[in-house]
Amino acid sequence: MLVDHALELPLHWRMPRLEARWFIDVYEKNKDKNPIILELAILDYNIVQSIHQEDLRYVST
């Protein structure tokens, strides 16, 4: 799964935040996941997303 994903498109062509979301989804399916790390990753993603939404709201007004 990870290799297939890596071969689809080079990492430097991908959008970092979308790639982070993809890795969060993959990590959620992992049996040996650390729930604290997963929760922190999701919180970080949501915080950055809200910052981007605020910036977009500011720019569009």
C-alpha atoms as a PDB file:
ATOM      1  CA  MET A   1       0.000   0.000   0.000  1.00  0.00           C
ATOM      2  CA  LEU A   2       2.700   2.498   0.956  1.00  0.00           C
ATOM      3  CA  VAL A   3       4.910   1.506  -1.956  1.00  0.00           C
ATOM      4  CA  ASP A   4       2.041   1.775  -4.430  1.00  0.00           C
ATOM      5  CA  HIS A   5       1.216   5.208  -3.092  1.00  0.00           C
ATOM      6  CA  ALA A   6       4.842   6.322  -3.335  1.00  0.00           C
ATOM      7  CA  LEU A   7       5.115   5.119  -6.922  1.00  0.00           C
ATOM      8  CA  GLU A   8       1.975   6.928  -8.082  1.00  0.00           C
ATOM      9  CA  LEU A   9       3.454  10.402  -7.781  1.00  0.00           C
ATOM     10  CA  PRO A  10       6.723  11.740  -6.362  1.00  0.00           C
ATOM     11  CA  LEU A  11       6.454  13.140  -2.849  1.00  0.00           C
ATOM     12  CA  HIS A  12       7.682  16.588  -3.874  1.00  0.00           C
ATOM     13  CA  TRP A  13       4.744  16.907  -6.297  1.00  0.00           C
ATOM     14  CA  ARG A  14       2.158  16.180  -3.628  1.00  0.00           C
ATOM     15  CA  MET A  15       0.411  18.705  -1.418  1.00  0.00           C
ATOM     16  CA  PRO A  16       1.894  18.253   2.078  1.00  0.00           C
ATOM     17  CA  ARG A  17      -1.367  18.650   4.004  1.00  0.00           C
ATOM     18  CA  LEU A  18      -3.237  16.189   1.805  1.00  0.00           C
ATOM     19  CA  GLU A  19      -0.351  13.789   2.163  1.00  0.00           C
ATOM     20  CA  ALA A  20      -0.540  14.205   5.949  1.00  0.00           C
ATOM     21  CA  ARG A  21      -4.243  13.378   5.849  1.00  0.00           C
ATOM     22  CA  TRP A  22      -3.503  10.285   3.783  1.00  0.00           C
ATOM     23  CA  PHE A  23      -0.902   9.124   6.296  1.00  0.00           C
ATOM     24  CA  ILE A  24      -3.334   9.718   9.169  1.00  0.00           C
ATOM     25  CA  ASP A  25      -5.889   7.510   7.437  1.00  0.00           C
ATOM     26  CA  VAL A  26      -3.290   4.803   6.834  1.00  0.00           C
ATOM     27  CA  TYR A  27      -2.034   5.003  10.419  1.00  0.00           C
ATOM     28  CA  GLU A  28      -5.590   4.648  11.756  1.00  0.00           C
ATOM     29  CA  LYS A  29      -5.808   1.243  10.076  1.00  0.00           C
ATOM     30  CA  ASN A  30      -2.515   0.095  11.609  1.00  0.00           C
ATOM     31  CA  LYS A  31      -2.948  -2.521  14.347  1.00  0.00           C
ATOM     32  CA  ASP A  32       0.096  -1.289  16.263  1.00  0.00           C
ATOM     33  CA  LYS A  33      -0.911   2.362  16.279  1.00  0.00           C
ATOM     34  CA  ASN A  34      -0.229   4.633  19.215  1.00  0.00           C
ATOM     35  CA  PRO A  35      -3.550   6.359  19.995  1.00  0.00           C
ATOM     36  CA  ILE A  36      -1.846   9.421  21.470  1.00  0.00           C
ATOM     37  CA  ILE A  37       0.242  10.012  18.351  1.00  0.00           C
ATOM     38  CA  LEU A  38      -2.832   9.506  16.194  1.00  0.00           C
ATOM     39  CA  GLU A  39      -4.831  11.986  18.255  1.00  0.00           C
ATOM     40  CA  LEU A  40      -2.028  14.561  18.097  1.00  0.00           C
ATOM     41  CA  ALA A  41      -1.731  14.150  14.332  1.00  0.00           C
ATOM     42  CA  ILE A  42      -5.464  14.662  13.885  1.00  0.00           C
ATOM     43  CA  LEU A  43      -5.432  17.695  16.191  1.00  0.00           C
ATOM     44  CA  ASP A  44      -2.511  19.202  14.290  1.00  0.00           C
ATOM     45  CA  TYR A  45      -4.237  18.623  10.978  1.00  0.00           C
ATOM     46  CA  ASN A  46      -7.458  20.219  12.220  1.00  0.00           C
ATOM     47  CA  ILE A  47      -5.652  23.220  13.723  1.00  0.00           C
ATOM     48  CA  VAL A  48      -3.758  23.917  10.516  1.00  0.00           C
ATOM     49  CA  GLN A  49      -6.939  23.462   8.499  1.00  0.00           C
ATOM     50  CA  SER A  50      -8.778  26.002  10.668  1.00  0.00           C
ATOM     51  CA  ILE A  51      -5.905  28.477  10.252  1.00  0.00           C
ATOM     52  CA  HIS A  52      -6.092  28.074   6.482  1.00  0.00           C
ATOM     53  CA  GLN A  53      -9.859  28.572   6.588  1.00  0.00           C
ATOM     54  CA  GLU A  54      -9.441  31.768   8.614  1.00  0.00           C
ATOM     55  CA  ASP A  55      -6.846  33.037   6.153  1.00  0.00           C
ATOM     56  CA  LEU A  56      -9.135  32.261   3.245  1.00  0.00           C
ATOM     57  CA  ARG A  57     -12.022  34.018   4.970  1.00  0.00           C
ATOM     58  CA  TYR A  58      -9.806  37.063   5.559  1.00  0.00           C
ATOM     59  CA  VAL A  59      -8.594  37.178   1.959  1.00  0.00           C
ATOM     60  CA  SER A  60     -12.041  36.713   0.443  1.00  0.00           C
ATOM     61  CA  THR A  61     -13.654  39.613   2.330  1.00  0.00           C
END
